[in-house]
Amino acid sequence: MTSFLLAALVTLLAVGPARQAAPAFKARSLDGTVFTNESLKGRVVLIQFWTTWCGFCRREQPAVEDVLETFGDRGLPRSS
C-alpha cells in the first residue's frame, strides 16, 4: 500500500467501558482499496491521512512509527 494512506483508527486499543464508535468514513487508497467502518470492523487499524507536500505530516511520521512499534504486538499490522 502507498504511504499516502495508511490503514488509521486505533479502535481496539481503547481502554475502559466508555468507548464510542468511530465516526462513519469512507476512504480510498492510491491502489484503489476502499476502507470503511464496516470493512475494518473488529480489526486494529491506524489510518493516517497525509501528503508529500505537508510539512506537518512529515514531522509527525516518527510519532506514527512509535505507535506502530508500541502496538504491533497487540494486532496493529504494519502496512507496506
PDB file of N, CA and C in Angstrom:
ATOM      1  N   MET A   1       0.851  -1.180   0.000  1.00  0.00           N
ATOM      2  CA  MET A   1       0.000   0.000   0.000  1.00  0.00           C
ATOM      3  C   MET A   1       0.885   1.227   0.000  1.00  0.00           C
ATOM      4  N   THR A   2       0.417   2.282  -0.554  1.00  0.00           N
ATOM      5  CA  THR A   2       1.196   3.512  -0.650  1.00  0.00           C
ATOM      6  C   THR A   2       1.250   4.221   0.689  1.00  0.00           C
ATOM      7  N   SER A   3       2.217   5.129   0.781  1.00  0.00           N
ATOM      8  CA  SER A   3       2.338   5.888   2.026  1.00  0.00           C
ATOM      9  C   SER A   3       1.343   7.030   2.096  1.00  0.00           C
ATOM     10  N   PHE A   4       0.604   7.288   1.006  1.00  0.00           N
ATOM     11  CA  PHE A   4      -0.392   8.372   1.019  1.00  0.00           C
ATOM     12  C   PHE A   4      -1.509   8.079   2.000  1.00  0.00           C
ATOM     13  N   LEU A   5      -1.893   6.824   2.077  1.00  0.00           N
ATOM     14  CA  LEU A   5      -2.966   6.457   3.006  1.00  0.00           C
ATOM     15  C   LEU A   5      -2.572   5.177   3.702  1.00  0.00           C
ATOM     16  N   LEU A   6      -2.363   5.243   4.981  1.00  0.00           N
ATOM     17  CA  LEU A   6      -2.070   4.052   5.761  1.00  0.00           C
ATOM     18  C   LEU A   6      -3.330   3.625   6.483  1.00  0.00           C
ATOM     19  N   ALA A   7      -3.588   2.337   6.507  1.00  0.00           N
ATOM     20  CA  ALA A   7      -4.716   1.826   7.242  1.00  0.00           C
ATOM     21  C   ALA A   7      -4.475   2.107   8.700  1.00  0.00           C
ATOM     22  N   ALA A   8      -6.241   3.945   9.731  1.00  0.00           N
ATOM     23  CA  ALA A   8      -5.881   4.825  10.831  1.00  0.00           C
ATOM     24  C   ALA A   8      -6.773   4.820  12.013  1.00  0.00           C
ATOM     25  N   LEU A   9      -7.468   4.295  12.492  1.00  0.00           N
ATOM     26  CA  LEU A   9      -8.214   4.385  13.717  1.00  0.00           C
ATOM     27  C   LEU A   9      -7.685   3.326  14.665  1.00  0.00           C
ATOM     28  N   VAL A  10      -7.236   3.764  15.842  1.00  0.00           N
ATOM     29  CA  VAL A  10      -6.778   2.765  16.797  1.00  0.00           C
ATOM     30  C   VAL A  10      -8.003   2.386  17.620  1.00  0.00           C
ATOM     31  N   THR A  11      -8.760   1.412  17.102  1.00  0.00           N
ATOM     32  CA  THR A  11     -10.073   1.128  17.679  1.00  0.00           C
ATOM     33  C   THR A  11     -10.024   0.164  18.845  1.00  0.00           C
ATOM     34  N   LEU A  12      -9.398  -0.959  18.684  1.00  0.00           N
ATOM     35  CA  LEU A  12      -9.439  -1.962  19.745  1.00  0.00           C
ATOM     36  C   LEU A  12      -8.453  -1.699  20.867  1.00  0.00           C
ATOM     37  N   LEU A  13      -7.731  -0.599  20.779  1.00  0.00           N
ATOM     38  CA  LEU A  13      -6.743  -0.284  21.806  1.00  0.00           C
ATOM     39  C   LEU A  13      -7.299   0.649  22.876  1.00  0.00           C
ATOM     40  N   ALA A  14      -8.530   1.085  22.728  1.00  0.00           N
ATOM     41  CA  ALA A  14      -9.150   1.971  23.710  1.00  0.00           C
ATOM     42  C   ALA A  14      -9.317   1.236  25.036  1.00  0.00           C
ATOM     43  N   VAL A  15      -9.188   1.968  26.110  1.00  0.00           N
ATOM     44  CA  VAL A  15      -9.285   1.375  27.438  1.00  0.00           C
ATOM     45  C   VAL A  15     -10.534   1.893  28.132  1.00  0.00           C
ATOM     46  N   GLY A  16     -11.194   1.036  28.885  1.00  0.00           N
ATOM     47  CA  GLY A  16     -12.342   1.452  29.687  1.00  0.00           C
ATOM     48  C   GLY A  16     -13.660   1.239  28.985  1.00  0.00           C
ATOM     49  N   PRO A  17     -14.732   1.266  29.766  1.00  0.00           N
ATOM     50  CA  PRO A  17     -16.062   0.978  29.227  1.00  0.00           C
ATOM     51  C   PRO A  17     -16.689   2.130  28.450  1.00  0.00           C
ATOM     52  N   ALA A  18     -16.112   3.326  28.483  1.00  0.00           N
ATOM     53  CA  ALA A  18     -16.725   4.488  27.839  1.00  0.00           C
ATOM     54  C   ALA A  18     -16.303   4.619  26.377  1.00  0.00           C
ATOM     55  N   ARG A  19     -16.198   3.501  25.671  1.00  0.00           N
ATOM     56  CA  ARG A  19     -15.794   3.526  24.268  1.00  0.00           C
ATOM     57  C   ARG A  19     -16.917   4.060  23.396  1.00  0.00           C
ATOM     58  N   GLN A  20     -16.537   4.786  22.375  1.00  0.00           N
ATOM     59  CA  GLN A  20     -17.501   5.331  21.429  1.00  0.00           C
ATOM     60  C   GLN A  20     -17.172   4.806  20.037  1.00  0.00           C
ATOM     61  N   ALA A  21     -18.193   4.681  19.227  1.00  0.00           N
ATOM     62  CA  ALA A  21     -17.985   4.240  17.851  1.00  0.00           C
ATOM     63  C   ALA A  21     -17.228   5.322  17.079  1.00  0.00           C
ATOM     64  N   ALA A  22     -16.407   4.891  16.156  1.00  0.00           N
ATOM     65  CA  ALA A  22     -15.696   5.839  15.298  1.00  0.00           C
ATOM     66  C   ALA A  22     -16.693   6.517  14.362  1.00  0.00           C
ATOM     67  N   PRO A  23     -16.419   7.755  13.990  1.00  0.00           N
ATOM     68  CA  PRO A  23     -17.295   8.430  13.025  1.00  0.00           C
ATOM     69  C   PRO A  23     -17.312   7.659  11.706  1.00  0.00           C
ATOM     70  N   ALA A  24     -18.425   7.688  11.016  1.00  0.00           N
ATOM     71  CA  ALA A  24     -18.526   6.997   9.731  1.00  0.00           C
ATOM     72  C   ALA A  24     -17.556   7.621   8.736  1.00  0.00           C
ATOM     73  N   PHE A  25     -16.877   6.777   7.980  1.00  0.00           N
ATOM     74  CA  PHE A  25     -15.959   7.282   6.974  1.00  0.00           C
ATOM     75  C   PHE A  25     -15.858   6.310   5.812  1.00  0.00           C
ATOM     76  N   LYS A  26     -15.358   6.831   4.707  1.00  0.00           N
ATOM     77  CA  LYS A  26     -15.062   6.022   3.529  1.00  0.00           C
ATOM     78  C   LYS A  26     -13.827   6.648   2.896  1.00  0.00           C
ATOM     79  N   ALA A  27     -12.803   5.861   2.654  1.00  0.00           N
ATOM     80  CA  ALA A  27     -11.571   6.364   2.071  1.00  0.00           C
ATOM     81  C   ALA A  27     -11.067   5.369   1.035  1.00  0.00           C
ATOM     82  N   ARG A  28     -10.293   5.882   0.092  1.00  0.00           N
ATOM     83  CA  ARG A  28      -9.730   5.038  -0.966  1.00  0.00           C
ATOM     84  C   ARG A  28      -8.226   5.294  -1.014  1.00  0.00           C
ATOM     85  N   SER A  29      -7.454   4.221  -1.041  1.00  0.00           N
ATOM     86  CA  SER A  29      -6.008   4.346  -1.165  1.00  0.00           C
ATOM     87  C   SER A  29      -5.648   4.584  -2.626  1.00  0.00           C
ATOM     88  N   LEU A  30      -4.398   4.916  -2.876  1.00  0.00           N
ATOM     89  CA  LEU A  30      -3.958   5.142  -4.247  1.00  0.00           C
ATOM     90  C   LEU A  30      -4.042   3.883  -5.103  1.00  0.00           C
ATOM     91  N   ASP A  31      -3.974   2.721  -4.464  1.00  0.00           N
ATOM     92  CA  ASP A  31      -4.102   1.489  -5.241  1.00  0.00           C
ATOM     93  C   ASP A  31      -5.559   1.081  -5.445  1.00  0.00           C
ATOM     94  N   GLY A  32      -6.505   1.920  -4.980  1.00  0.00           N
ATOM     95  CA  GLY A  32      -7.921   1.677  -5.207  1.00  0.00           C
ATOM     96  C   GLY A  32      -8.651   0.937  -4.105  1.00  0.00           C
ATOM     97  N   THR A  33      -7.942   0.511  -3.071  1.00  0.00           N
ATOM     98  CA  THR A  33      -8.580  -0.183  -1.959  1.00  0.00           C
ATOM     99  C   THR A  33      -9.494   0.787  -1.219  1.00  0.00           C
ATOM    100  N   VAL A  34     -10.737   0.366  -0.976  1.00  0.00           N
ATOM    101  CA  VAL A  34     -11.698   1.204  -0.263  1.00  0.00           C
ATOM    102  C   VAL A  34     -11.780   0.732   1.184  1.00  0.00           C
ATOM    103  N   PHE A  35     -11.726   1.691   2.102  1.00  0.00           N
ATOM    104  CA  PHE A  35     -11.825   1.409   3.526  1.00  0.00           C
ATOM    105  C   PHE A  35     -13.061   2.097   4.078  1.00  0.00           C
ATOM    106  N   THR A  36     -13.844   1.391   4.870  1.00  0.00           N
ATOM    107  CA  THR A  36     -15.000   1.957   5.558  1.00  0.00           C
ATOM    108  C   THR A  36     -15.008   1.415   6.972  1.00  0.00           C
ATOM    109  N   ASN A  37     -15.897   1.938   7.782  1.00  0.00           N
ATOM    110  CA  ASN A  37     -16.054   1.403   9.140  1.00  0.00           C
ATOM    111  C   ASN A  37     -16.306  -0.109   9.080  1.00  0.00           C
ATOM    112  N   GLU A  38     -17.194  -0.505   8.190  1.00  0.00           N
ATOM    113  CA  GLU A  38     -17.569  -1.917   8.096  1.00  0.00           C
ATOM    114  C   GLU A  38     -16.408  -2.792   7.628  1.00  0.00           C
ATOM    115  N   SER A  39     -15.620  -2.316   6.676  1.00  0.00           N
ATOM    116  CA  SER A  39     -14.525  -3.146   6.162  1.00  0.00           C
ATOM    117  C   SER A  39     -13.419  -3.338   7.199  1.00  0.00           C
ATOM    118  N   LEU A  40     -13.354  -2.442   8.171  1.00  0.00           N
ATOM    119  CA  LEU A  40     -12.316  -2.528   9.198  1.00  0.00           C
ATOM    120  C   LEU A  40     -12.845  -2.989  10.551  1.00  0.00           C
ATOM    121  N   LYS A  41     -14.133  -3.250  10.633  1.00  0.00           N
ATOM    122  CA  LYS A  41     -14.758  -3.626  11.899  1.00  0.00           C
ATOM    123  C   LYS A  41     -14.075  -4.850  12.502  1.00  0.00           C
ATOM    124  N   GLY A  42     -13.758  -4.727  13.792  1.00  0.00           N
ATOM    125  CA  GLY A  42     -13.138  -5.827  14.518  1.00  0.00           C
ATOM    126  C   GLY A  42     -11.632  -5.918  14.349  1.00  0.00           C
ATOM    127  N   ARG A  43     -11.051  -5.043  13.558  1.00  0.00           N
ATOM    128  CA  ARG A  43      -9.607  -5.051  13.332  1.00  0.00           C
ATOM    129  C   ARG A  43      -8.969  -3.859  14.027  1.00  0.00           C
ATOM    130  N   VAL A  44      -7.730  -4.028  14.413  1.00  0.00           N
ATOM    131  CA  VAL A  44      -6.949  -2.915  14.962  1.00  0.00           C
ATOM    132  C   VAL A  44      -6.283  -2.241  13.776  1.00  0.00           C
ATOM    133  N   VAL A  45      -6.578  -0.977  13.569  1.00  0.00           N
ATOM    134  CA  VAL A  45      -6.005  -0.256  12.429  1.00  0.00           C
ATOM    135  C   VAL A  45      -5.609   1.158  12.822  1.00  0.00           C
ATOM    136  N   LEU A  46      -4.693   1.703  12.072  1.00  0.00           N
ATOM    137  CA  LEU A  46      -4.297   3.098  12.194  1.00  0.00           C
ATOM    138  C   LEU A  46      -4.405   3.668  10.793  1.00  0.00           C
ATOM    139  N   ILE A  47      -5.269   4.640  10.605  1.00  0.00           N
ATOM    140  CA  ILE A  47      -5.417   5.276   9.306  1.00  0.00           C
ATOM    141  C   ILE A  47      -4.802   6.660   9.413  1.00  0.00           C
ATOM    142  N   GLN A  48      -3.816   6.902   8.601  1.00  0.00           N
ATOM    143  CA  GLN A  48      -3.106   8.178   8.625  1.00  0.00           C
ATOM    144  C   GLN A  48      -3.278   8.827   7.259  1.00  0.00           C
ATOM    145  N   PHE A  49      -3.876   9.998   7.235  1.00  0.00           N
ATOM    146  CA  PHE A  49      -4.047  10.753   6.003  1.00  0.00           C
ATOM    147  C   PHE A  49      -2.919  11.777   5.908  1.00  0.00           C
ATOM    148  N   TRP A  50      -2.147  11.714   4.854  1.00  0.00           N
ATOM    149  CA  TRP A  50      -1.089  12.701   4.686  1.00  0.00           C
ATOM    150  C   TRP A  50      -0.705  12.798   3.222  1.00  0.00           C
ATOM    151  N   THR A  51       0.078  13.797   2.926  1.00  0.00           N
ATOM    152  CA  THR A  51       0.537  14.016   1.563  1.00  0.00           C
ATOM    153  C   THR A  51       1.997  14.458   1.590  1.00  0.00           C
ATOM    154  N   THR A  52       2.680  14.271   0.498  1.00  0.00           N
ATOM    155  CA  THR A  52       4.122  14.538   0.444  1.00  0.00           C
ATOM    156  C   THR A  52       4.470  16.012   0.647  1.00  0.00           C
ATOM    157  N   TRP A  53       3.571  16.926   0.295  1.00  0.00           N
ATOM    158  CA  TRP A  53       3.882  18.349   0.425  1.00  0.00           C
ATOM    159  C   TRP A  53       3.548  18.916   1.795  1.00  0.00           C
ATOM    160  N   CYS A  54       3.012  18.117   2.691  1.00  0.00           N
ATOM    161  CA  CYS A  54       2.591  18.579   4.015  1.00  0.00           C
ATOM    162  C   CYS A  54       3.739  18.440   5.017  1.00  0.00           C
ATOM    163  N   GLY A  55       4.289  19.580   5.431  1.00  0.00           N
ATOM    164  CA  GLY A  55       5.387  19.565   6.398  1.00  0.00           C
ATOM    165  C   GLY A  55       4.991  18.963   7.733  1.00  0.00           C
ATOM    166  N   PHE A  56       3.797  19.277   8.218  1.00  0.00           N
ATOM    167  CA  PHE A  56       3.326  18.706   9.473  1.00  0.00           C
ATOM    168  C   PHE A  56       3.237  17.184   9.364  1.00  0.00           C
ATOM    169  N   CYS A  57       2.730  16.710   8.237  1.00  0.00           N
ATOM    170  CA  CYS A  57       2.598  15.259   8.034  1.00  0.00           C
ATOM    171  C   CYS A  57       3.952  14.571   8.130  1.00  0.00           C
ATOM    172  N   ARG A  58       4.936  15.147   7.503  1.00  0.00           N
ATOM    173  CA  ARG A  58       6.285  14.564   7.547  1.00  0.00           C
ATOM    174  C   ARG A  58       6.861  14.608   8.967  1.00  0.00           C
ATOM    175  N   ARG A  59       6.616  15.699   9.691  1.00  0.00           N
ATOM    176  CA  ARG A  59       7.139  15.820  11.061  1.00  0.00           C
ATOM    177  C   ARG A  59       6.475  14.843  12.015  1.00  0.00           C
ATOM    178  N   GLU A  60       5.198  14.478  11.768  1.00  0.00           N
ATOM    179  CA  GLU A  60       4.518  13.570  12.686  1.00  0.00           C
ATOM    180  C   GLU A  60       4.837  12.101  12.410  1.00  0.00           C
ATOM    181  N   GLN A  61       5.495  11.801  11.308  1.00  0.00           N
ATOM    182  CA  GLN A  61       5.764  10.412  10.949  1.00  0.00           C
ATOM    183  C   GLN A  61       6.519   9.629  12.032  1.00  0.00           C
ATOM    184  N   PRO A  62       7.528  10.201  12.702  1.00  0.00           N
ATOM    185  CA  PRO A  62       8.180   9.445  13.781  1.00  0.00           C
ATOM    186  C   PRO A  62       7.198   9.031  14.887  1.00  0.00           C
ATOM    187  N   ALA A  63       6.229   9.866  15.202  1.00  0.00           N
ATOM    188  CA  ALA A  63       5.228   9.508  16.220  1.00  0.00           C
ATOM    189  C   ALA A  63       4.368   8.347  15.738  1.00  0.00           C
ATOM    190  N   VAL A  64       4.031   8.352  14.457  1.00  0.00           N
ATOM    191  CA  VAL A  64       3.249   7.241  13.889  1.00  0.00           C
ATOM    192  C   VAL A  64       4.062   5.953  13.956  1.00  0.00           C
ATOM    193  N   GLU A  65       5.337   6.037  13.642  1.00  0.00           N
ATOM    194  CA  GLU A  65       6.206   4.857  13.725  1.00  0.00           C
ATOM    195  C   GLU A  65       6.259   4.338  15.167  1.00  0.00           C
ATOM    196  N   ASP A  66       6.279   5.241  16.138  1.00  0.00           N
ATOM    197  CA  ASP A  66       6.268   4.833  17.548  1.00  0.00           C
ATOM    198  C   ASP A  66       4.985   4.081  17.897  1.00  0.00           C
ATOM    199  N   VAL A  67       3.836   4.563  17.396  1.00  0.00           N
ATOM    200  CA  VAL A  67       2.563   3.884  17.644  1.00  0.00           C
ATOM    201  C   VAL A  67       2.587   2.488  17.034  1.00  0.00           C
ATOM    202  N   LEU A  68       3.087   2.367  15.810  1.00  0.00           N
ATOM    203  CA  LEU A  68       3.176   1.064  15.157  1.00  0.00           C
ATOM    204  C   LEU A  68       4.067   0.111  15.939  1.00  0.00           C
ATOM    205  N   GLU A  69       5.164   0.627  16.438  1.00  0.00           N
ATOM    206  CA  GLU A  69       6.088  -0.187  17.233  1.00  0.00           C
ATOM    207  C   GLU A  69       5.457  -0.604  18.564  1.00  0.00           C
ATOM    208  N   THR A  70       4.806   0.344  19.233  1.00  0.00           N
ATOM    209  CA  THR A  70       4.213   0.091  20.540  1.00  0.00           C
ATOM    210  C   THR A  70       3.067  -0.913  20.480  1.00  0.00           C
ATOM    211  N   PHE A  71       2.215  -0.793  19.469  1.00  0.00           N
ATOM    212  CA  PHE A  71       1.014  -1.604  19.416  1.00  0.00           C
ATOM    213  C   PHE A  71       1.075  -2.753  18.407  1.00  0.00           C
ATOM    214  N   GLY A  72       2.204  -2.963  17.777  1.00  0.00           N
ATOM    215  CA  GLY A  72       2.344  -4.046  16.811  1.00  0.00           C
ATOM    216  C   GLY A  72       2.063  -5.418  17.413  1.00  0.00           C
ATOM    217  N   ASP A  73       2.450  -5.624  18.659  1.00  0.00           N
ATOM    218  CA  ASP A  73       2.224  -6.927  19.296  1.00  0.00           C
ATOM    219  C   ASP A  73       0.778  -7.079  19.801  1.00  0.00           C
ATOM    220  N   ARG A  74      -0.037  -6.037  19.639  1.00  0.00           N
ATOM    221  CA  ARG A  74      -1.447  -6.116  20.034  1.00  0.00           C
ATOM    222  C   ARG A  74      -2.362  -6.195  18.812  1.00  0.00           C
ATOM    223  N   GLY A  75      -1.778  -6.447  17.665  1.00  0.00           N
ATOM    224  CA  GLY A  75      -2.584  -6.658  16.479  1.00  0.00           C
ATOM    225  C   GLY A  75      -2.587  -5.530  15.473  1.00  0.00           C
ATOM    226  N   LEU A  76      -1.832  -4.464  15.715  1.00  0.00           N
ATOM    227  CA  LEU A  76      -1.770  -3.363  14.760  1.00  0.00           C
ATOM    228  C   LEU A  76      -0.733  -3.716  13.703  1.00  0.00           C
ATOM    229  N   PRO A  77      -1.180  -4.096  12.508  1.00  0.00           N
ATOM    230  CA  PRO A  77      -0.208  -4.533  11.478  1.00  0.00           C
ATOM    231  C   PRO A  77       0.462  -3.358  10.802  1.00  0.00           C
ATOM    232  N   ARG A  78       1.651  -3.591  10.321  1.00  0.00           N
ATOM    233  CA  ARG A  78       2.361  -2.614   9.513  1.00  0.00           C
ATOM    234  C   ARG A  78       1.880  -2.777   8.077  1.00  0.00           C
ATOM    235  N   SER A  79       1.720  -1.652   7.402  1.00  0.00           N
ATOM    236  CA  SER A  79       1.312  -1.674   6.005  1.00  0.00           C
ATOM    237  C   SER A  79       2.560  -1.536   5.158  1.00  0.00           C
ATOM    238  N   SER A  80       2.542  -2.091   3.981  1.00  0.00           N
ATOM    239  CA  SER A  80       3.716  -1.983   3.116  1.00  0.00           C
ATOM    240  C   SER A  80       3.529  -0.914   2.075  1.00  0.00           C
TER     241      SER A  80
END
